[in-house]
PDB file of N, CA and C in Angstrom:
ATOM      1  N   MET A   1      53.660 106.068 161.129  1.00  0.00           N
ATOM      2  CA  MET A   1      54.398 107.120 160.431  1.00  0.00           C
ATOM      3  C   MET A   1      54.197 107.008 158.914  1.00  0.00           C
ATOM      4  N   ILE A   2      54.321 105.785 158.405  1.00  0.00           N
ATOM      5  CA  ILE A   2      54.160 105.591 156.976  1.00  0.00           C
ATOM      6  C   ILE A   2      52.718 105.884 156.569  1.00  0.00           C
ATOM      7  N   ASN A   3      51.781 105.509 157.438  1.00  0.00           N
ATOM      8  CA  ASN A   3      50.373 105.756 157.142  1.00  0.00           C
ATOM      9  C   ASN A   3      50.092 107.258 157.037  1.00  0.00           C
ATOM     10  N   LEU A   4      50.680 108.046 157.911  1.00  0.00           N
ATOM     11  CA  LEU A   4      50.498 109.494 157.863  1.00  0.00           C
ATOM     12  C   LEU A   4      51.096 110.089 156.588  1.00  0.00           C
ATOM     13  N   LEU A   5      52.263 109.600 156.216  1.00  0.00           N
ATOM     14  CA  LEU A   5      52.905 110.072 154.992  1.00  0.00           C
ATOM     15  C   LEU A   5      52.065 109.722 153.773  1.00  0.00           C
ATOM     16  N   PHE A   6      51.550 108.490 153.731  1.00  0.00           N
ATOM     17  CA  PHE A   6      50.712 108.050 152.621  1.00  0.00           C
ATOM     18  C   PHE A   6      49.440 108.892 152.534  1.00  0.00           C
ATOM     19  N   THR A   7      48.814 109.144 153.672  1.00  0.00           N
ATOM     20  CA  THR A   7      47.602 109.965 153.702  1.00  0.00           C
ATOM     21  C   THR A   7      47.897 111.381 153.221  1.00  0.00           C
ATOM     22  N   TYR A   8      49.015 111.949 153.666  1.00  0.00           N
ATOM     23  CA  TYR A   8      49.400 113.290 153.228  1.00  0.00           C
ATOM     24  C   TYR A   8      49.605 113.339 151.720  1.00  0.00           C
ATOM     25  N   LEU A   9      50.301 112.316 151.178  1.00  0.00           N
ATOM     26  CA  LEU A   9      50.552 112.291 149.738  1.00  0.00           C
ATOM     27  C   LEU A   9      49.258 112.143 148.950  1.00  0.00           C
ATOM     28  N   LEU A  10      48.340 111.312 149.449  1.00  0.00           N
ATOM     29  CA  LEU A  10      47.065 111.154 148.760  1.00  0.00           C
ATOM     30  C   LEU A  10      46.263 112.447 148.743  1.00  0.00           C
ATOM     31  N   THR A  11      46.209 113.138 149.864  1.00  0.00           N
ATOM     32  CA  THR A  11      45.443 114.383 149.897  1.00  0.00           C
ATOM     33  C   THR A  11      46.130 115.456 149.063  1.00  0.00           C
ATOM     34  N   ASP A  12      47.453 115.463 149.075  1.00  0.00           N
ATOM     35  CA  ASP A  12      48.187 116.443 148.278  1.00  0.00           C
ATOM     36  C   ASP A  12      47.963 116.189 146.791  1.00  0.00           C
ATOM     37  N   ILE A  13      47.983 114.919 146.390  1.00  0.00           N
ATOM     38  CA  ILE A  13      47.759 114.584 144.983  1.00  0.00           C
ATOM     39  C   ILE A  13      46.341 114.930 144.575  1.00  0.00           C
ATOM     40  N   SER A  14      45.363 114.633 145.434  1.00  0.00           N
ATOM     41  CA  SER A  14      43.979 114.906 145.064  1.00  0.00           C
ATOM     42  C   SER A  14      43.714 116.409 144.953  1.00  0.00           C
ATOM     43  N   LEU A  15      44.380 117.203 145.773  1.00  0.00           N
ATOM     44  CA  LEU A  15      44.186 118.652 145.693  1.00  0.00           C
ATOM     45  C   LEU A  15      44.847 119.236 144.453  1.00  0.00           C
ATOM     46  N   THR A  16      46.021 118.726 144.104  1.00  0.00           N
ATOM     47  CA  THR A  16      46.723 119.275 142.949  1.00  0.00           C
ATOM     48  C   THR A  16      46.185 118.714 141.644  1.00  0.00           C
ATOM     49  N   SER A  17      45.557 117.535 141.673  1.00  0.00           N
ATOM     50  CA  SER A  17      45.081 116.950 140.421  1.00  0.00           C
ATOM     51  C   SER A  17      43.872 117.697 139.869  1.00  0.00           C
ATOM     52  N   GLN A  18      43.187 118.450 140.724  1.00  0.00           N
ATOM     53  CA  GLN A  18      42.078 119.239 140.230  1.00  0.00           C
ATOM     54  C   GLN A  18      42.576 120.361 139.320  1.00  0.00           C
ATOM     55  N   ASP A  19      43.761 120.833 139.588  1.00  0.00           N
ATOM     56  CA  ASP A  19      44.331 121.904 138.780  1.00  0.00           C
ATOM     57  C   ASP A  19      45.091 121.378 137.566  1.00  0.00           C
ATOM     58  N   ASN A  20      45.620 120.179 137.672  1.00  0.00           N
ATOM     59  CA  ASN A  20      46.468 119.652 136.610  1.00  0.00           C
ATOM     60  C   ASN A  20      45.948 118.281 136.187  1.00  0.00           C
ATOM     61  N   SER A  21      45.209 118.230 135.093  1.00  0.00           N
ATOM     62  CA  SER A  21      44.655 116.958 134.641  1.00  0.00           C
ATOM     63  C   SER A  21      45.697 116.135 133.874  1.00  0.00           C
ATOM     64  N   GLY A  22      46.834 116.720 133.557  1.00  0.00           N
ATOM     65  CA  GLY A  22      47.893 115.980 132.877  1.00  0.00           C
ATOM     66  C   GLY A  22      48.429 114.847 133.720  1.00  0.00           C
ATOM     67  N   TYR A  23      48.450 115.049 135.027  1.00  0.00           N
ATOM     68  CA  TYR A  23      48.918 114.013 135.947  1.00  0.00           C
ATOM     69  C   TYR A  23      48.001 112.798 135.864  1.00  0.00           C
ATOM     70  N   SER A  24      46.705 113.037 135.813  1.00  0.00           N
ATOM     71  CA  SER A  24      45.733 111.952 135.716  1.00  0.00           C
ATOM     72  C   SER A  24      45.871 111.214 134.393  1.00  0.00           C
ATOM     73  N   ILE A  25      46.123 111.917 133.333  1.00  0.00           N
ATOM     74  CA  ILE A  25      46.288 111.292 132.021  1.00  0.00           C
ATOM     75  C   ILE A  25      47.520 110.403 132.004  1.00  0.00           C
ATOM     76  N   VAL A  26      48.602 110.851 132.615  1.00  0.00           N
ATOM     77  CA  VAL A  26      49.828 110.056 132.669  1.00  0.00           C
ATOM     78  C   VAL A  26      49.595 108.784 133.474  1.00  0.00           C
ATOM     79  N   LEU A  27      48.920 108.886 134.620  1.00  0.00           N
ATOM     80  CA  LEU A  27      48.647 107.700 135.425  1.00  0.00           C
ATOM     81  C   LEU A  27      47.748 106.713 134.686  1.00  0.00           C
ATOM     82  N   THR A  28      46.759 107.204 133.982  1.00  0.00           N
ATOM     83  CA  THR A  28      45.866 106.331 133.221  1.00  0.00           C
ATOM     84  C   THR A  28      46.626 105.645 132.088  1.00  0.00           C
ATOM     85  N   ALA A  29      47.505 106.366 131.425  1.00  0.00           N
ATOM     86  CA  ALA A  29      48.303 105.782 130.345  1.00  0.00           C
ATOM     87  C   ALA A  29      49.243 104.705 130.891  1.00  0.00           C
ATOM     88  N   LEU A  30      49.847 104.970 132.040  1.00  0.00           N
ATOM     89  CA  LEU A  30      50.732 103.970 132.652  1.00  0.00           C
ATOM     90  C   LEU A  30      49.958 102.718 133.055  1.00  0.00           C
ATOM     91  N   LEU A  31      48.777 102.902 133.583  1.00  0.00           N
ATOM     92  CA  LEU A  31      47.947 101.765 133.963  1.00  0.00           C
ATOM     93  C   LEU A  31      47.571 100.939 132.732  1.00  0.00           C
ATOM     94  N   GLY A  32      47.184 101.600 131.663  1.00  0.00           N
ATOM     95  CA  GLY A  32      46.835 100.896 130.432  1.00  0.00           C
ATOM     96  C   GLY A  32      48.026 100.162 129.837  1.00  0.00           C
ATOM     97  N   LEU A  33      49.170 100.825 129.798  1.00  0.00           N
ATOM     98  CA  LEU A  33      50.376 100.200 129.273  1.00  0.00           C
ATOM     99  C   LEU A  33      50.795  99.009 130.126  1.00  0.00           C
ATOM    100  N   GLY A  34      50.718  99.150 131.434  1.00  0.00           N
ATOM    101  CA  GLY A  34      51.059  98.050 132.329  1.00  0.00           C
ATOM    102  C   GLY A  34      50.148  96.854 132.131  1.00  0.00           C
ATOM    103  N   PHE A  35      48.860  97.112 131.918  1.00  0.00           N
ATOM    104  CA  PHE A  35      47.919  96.026 131.676  1.00  0.00           C
ATOM    105  C   PHE A  35      48.250  95.295 130.381  1.00  0.00           C
ATOM    106  N   ILE A  36      48.547  96.037 129.337  1.00  0.00           N
ATOM    107  CA  ILE A  36      48.889  95.418 128.047  1.00  0.00           C
ATOM    108  C   ILE A  36      50.155  94.577 128.170  1.00  0.00           C
ATOM    109  N   VAL A  37      51.158  95.097 128.868  1.00  0.00           N
ATOM    110  CA  VAL A  37      52.408  94.351 129.053  1.00  0.00           C
ATOM    111  C   VAL A  37      52.151  93.083 129.868  1.00  0.00           C
ATOM    112  N   ALA A  38      51.356  93.172 130.929  1.00  0.00           N
ATOM    113  CA  ALA A  38      51.063  92.010 131.762  1.00  0.00           C
ATOM    114  C   ALA A  38      50.315  90.933 130.978  1.00  0.00           C
ATOM    115  N   VAL A  39      49.359  91.330 130.160  1.00  0.00           N
ATOM    116  CA  VAL A  39      48.609  90.365 129.351  1.00  0.00           C
ATOM    117  C   VAL A  39      49.530  89.714 128.321  1.00  0.00           C
ATOM    118  N   THR A  40      50.412  90.487 127.709  1.00  0.00           N
ATOM    119  CA  THR A  40      51.336  89.944 126.708  1.00  0.00           C
ATOM    120  C   THR A  40      52.293  88.939 127.333  1.00  0.00           C
ATOM    121  N   ILE A  41      52.891  89.295 128.463  1.00  0.00           N
ATOM    122  CA  ILE A  41      53.828  88.386 129.132  1.00  0.00           C
ATOM    123  C   ILE A  41      53.100  87.140 129.635  1.00  0.00           C
ATOM    124  N   GLY A  42      51.918  87.317 130.194  1.00  0.00           N
ATOM    125  CA  GLY A  42      51.156  86.179 130.687  1.00  0.00           C
ATOM    126  C   GLY A  42      50.739  85.242 129.568  1.00  0.00           C
ATOM    127  N   SER A  43      50.317  85.797 128.438  1.00  0.00           N
ATOM    128  CA  SER A  43      49.921  84.960 127.303  1.00  0.00           C
ATOM    129  C   SER A  43      51.115  84.191 126.743  1.00  0.00           C
ATOM    130  N   THR A  44      52.247  84.852 126.642  1.00  0.00           N
ATOM    131  CA  THR A  44      53.456  84.174 126.157  1.00  0.00           C
ATOM    132  C   THR A  44      53.843  83.040 127.090  1.00  0.00           C
ATOM    133  N   ALA A  45      53.799  83.278 128.376  1.00  0.00           N
ATOM    134  CA  ALA A  45      54.143  82.240 129.352  1.00  0.00           C
ATOM    135  C   ALA A  45      53.152  81.091 129.289  1.00  0.00           C
ATOM    136  N   TRP A  46      51.872  81.395 129.121  1.00  0.00           N
ATOM    137  CA  TRP A  46      50.863  80.340 129.075  1.00  0.00           C
ATOM    138  C   TRP A  46      51.041  79.475 127.834  1.00  0.00           C
ATOM    139  N   TYR A  47      51.262  80.093 126.684  1.00  0.00           N
ATOM    140  CA  TYR A  47      51.422  79.327 125.453  1.00  0.00           C
ATOM    141  C   TYR A  47      52.705  78.499 125.466  1.00  0.00           C
ATOM    142  N   ASN A  48      53.719  78.934 126.202  1.00  0.00           N
ATOM    143  CA  ASN A  48      54.975  78.192 126.255  1.00  0.00           C
ATOM    144  C   ASN A  48      55.010  77.186 127.395  1.00  0.00           C
ATOM    145  N   SER A  49      53.981  77.132 128.215  1.00  0.00           N
ATOM    146  CA  SER A  49      53.949  76.176 129.313  1.00  0.00           C
ATOM    147  C   SER A  49      53.380  74.850 128.824  1.00  0.00           C
ATOM    148  N   LYS A  50      53.319  73.881 129.730  1.00  0.00           N
ATOM    149  CA  LYS A  50      52.718  72.597 129.406  1.00  0.00           C
ATOM    150  C   LYS A  50      51.252  72.817 129.074  1.00  0.00           C
ATOM    151  N   ARG A  51      50.780  72.203 128.032  1.00  0.00           N
ATOM    152  CA  ARG A  51      49.401  72.381 127.605  1.00  0.00           C
ATOM    153  C   ARG A  51      48.424  71.743 128.594  1.00  0.00           C
ATOM    154  N   PRO A  52      47.338  72.433 128.896  1.00  0.00           N
ATOM    155  CA  PRO A  52      46.312  71.835 129.759  1.00  0.00           C
ATOM    156  C   PRO A  52      45.619  70.660 129.069  1.00  0.00           C
ATOM    157  N   VAL A  53      44.887  69.882 129.833  1.00  0.00           N
ATOM    158  CA  VAL A  53      44.171  68.729 129.291  1.00  0.00           C
ATOM    159  C   VAL A  53      43.223  69.197 128.189  1.00  0.00           C
ATOM    160  N   GLY A  54      43.294  68.549 127.039  1.00  0.00           N
ATOM    161  CA  GLY A  54      42.459  68.903 125.907  1.00  0.00           C
ATOM    162  C   GLY A  54      43.123  69.857 124.928  1.00  0.00           C
ATOM    163  N   TRP A  55      44.240  70.444 125.305  1.00  0.00           N
ATOM    164  CA  TRP A  55      44.934  71.407 124.440  1.00  0.00           C
ATOM    165  C   TRP A  55      46.271  70.844 123.919  1.00  0.00           C
ATOM    166  N   GLU A  56      46.565  69.576 124.182  1.00  0.00           N
ATOM    167  CA  GLU A  56      47.872  69.021 123.827  1.00  0.00           C
ATOM    168  C   GLU A  56      48.142  69.060 122.324  1.00  0.00           C
ATOM    169  N   ASP A  57      47.109  68.847 121.496  1.00  0.00           N
ATOM    170  CA  ASP A  57      47.310  68.776 120.055  1.00  0.00           C
ATOM    171  C   ASP A  57      47.077  70.106 119.343  1.00  0.00           C
ATOM    172  N   LYS A  58      46.825  71.175 120.070  1.00  0.00           N
ATOM    173  CA  LYS A  58      46.578  72.484 119.456  1.00  0.00           C
ATOM    174  C   LYS A  58      47.898  73.131 119.051  1.00  0.00           C
ATOM    175  N   GLU A  59      47.863  73.881 117.977  1.00  0.00           N
ATOM    176  CA  GLU A  59      49.055  74.573 117.475  1.00  0.00           C
ATOM    177  C   GLU A  59      49.278  75.890 118.223  1.00  0.00           C
ATOM    178  N   ARG A  60      50.544  76.251 118.357  1.00  0.00           N
ATOM    179  CA  ARG A  60      50.905  77.531 118.954  1.00  0.00           C
ATOM    180  C   ARG A  60      50.683  78.629 117.917  1.00  0.00           C
ATOM    181  N   PRO A  61      50.087  79.763 118.312  1.00  0.00           N
ATOM    182  CA  PRO A  61      49.915  80.864 117.351  1.00  0.00           C
ATOM    183  C   PRO A  61      51.272  81.366 116.842  1.00  0.00           C
ATOM    184  N   ASP A  62      51.306  81.823 115.608  1.00  0.00           N
ATOM    185  CA  ASP A  62      52.563  82.287 114.995  1.00  0.00           C
ATOM    186  C   ASP A  62      53.138  83.510 115.693  1.00  0.00           C
ATOM    187  N   ILE A  63      52.279  84.309 116.326  1.00  0.00           N
ATOM    188  CA  ILE A  63      52.738  85.556 116.939  1.00  0.00           C
ATOM    189  C   ILE A  63      53.481  85.317 118.256  1.00  0.00           C
ATOM    190  N   VAL A  64      53.283  84.146 118.874  1.00  0.00           N
ATOM    191  CA  VAL A  64      53.910  83.845 120.165  1.00  0.00           C
ATOM    192  C   VAL A  64      55.309  83.292 119.931  1.00  0.00           C
ATOM    193  N   PRO A  65      56.337  83.940 120.507  1.00  0.00           N
ATOM    194  CA  PRO A  65      57.703  83.446 120.312  1.00  0.00           C
ATOM    195  C   PRO A  65      57.941  82.155 121.103  1.00  0.00           C
ATOM    196  N   GLU A  66      58.794  81.281 120.578  1.00  0.00           N
ATOM    197  CA  GLU A  66      59.116  80.038 121.262  1.00  0.00           C
ATOM    198  C   GLU A  66      60.308  80.287 122.192  1.00  0.00           C
ATOM    199  N   ILE A  67      60.168  79.881 123.430  1.00  0.00           N
ATOM    200  CA  ILE A  67      61.201  80.117 124.439  1.00  0.00           C
ATOM    201  C   ILE A  67      61.795  78.780 124.859  1.00  0.00           C
ATOM    202  N   ASP A  68      63.136  78.675 124.838  1.00  0.00           N
ATOM    203  CA  ASP A  68      63.807  77.446 125.286  1.00  0.00           C
ATOM    204  C   ASP A  68      63.741  77.357 126.800  1.00  0.00           C
ATOM    205  N   LYS A  69      63.507  76.134 127.275  1.00  0.00           N
ATOM    206  CA  LYS A  69      63.408  75.939 128.736  1.00  0.00           C
ATOM    207  C   LYS A  69      64.766  75.720 129.362  1.00  0.00           C
TER     208      LYS A  69
END
C-alpha cells in the first residue's frame, strides 16, 4: 500500500514539475542548505571530540565554538 502511494506521488510530482520549475528550485535549495548545515554540525562535533592520533597538539580554529561536555 505504501509502495503504491509512493509511486503515485513520484509520478504526480514528475508530471507537475515539468510545468512548475519553482518546485525543483525549492528542493535544490533545501538540499544545499541541508548539506551546509550537516557539514557545519559535523565539523563542530569533530573539532570538539577527542583528537585523533597526531592531532593532539593542534589548535582549535577560532571559528569553532567550544562546547562543554
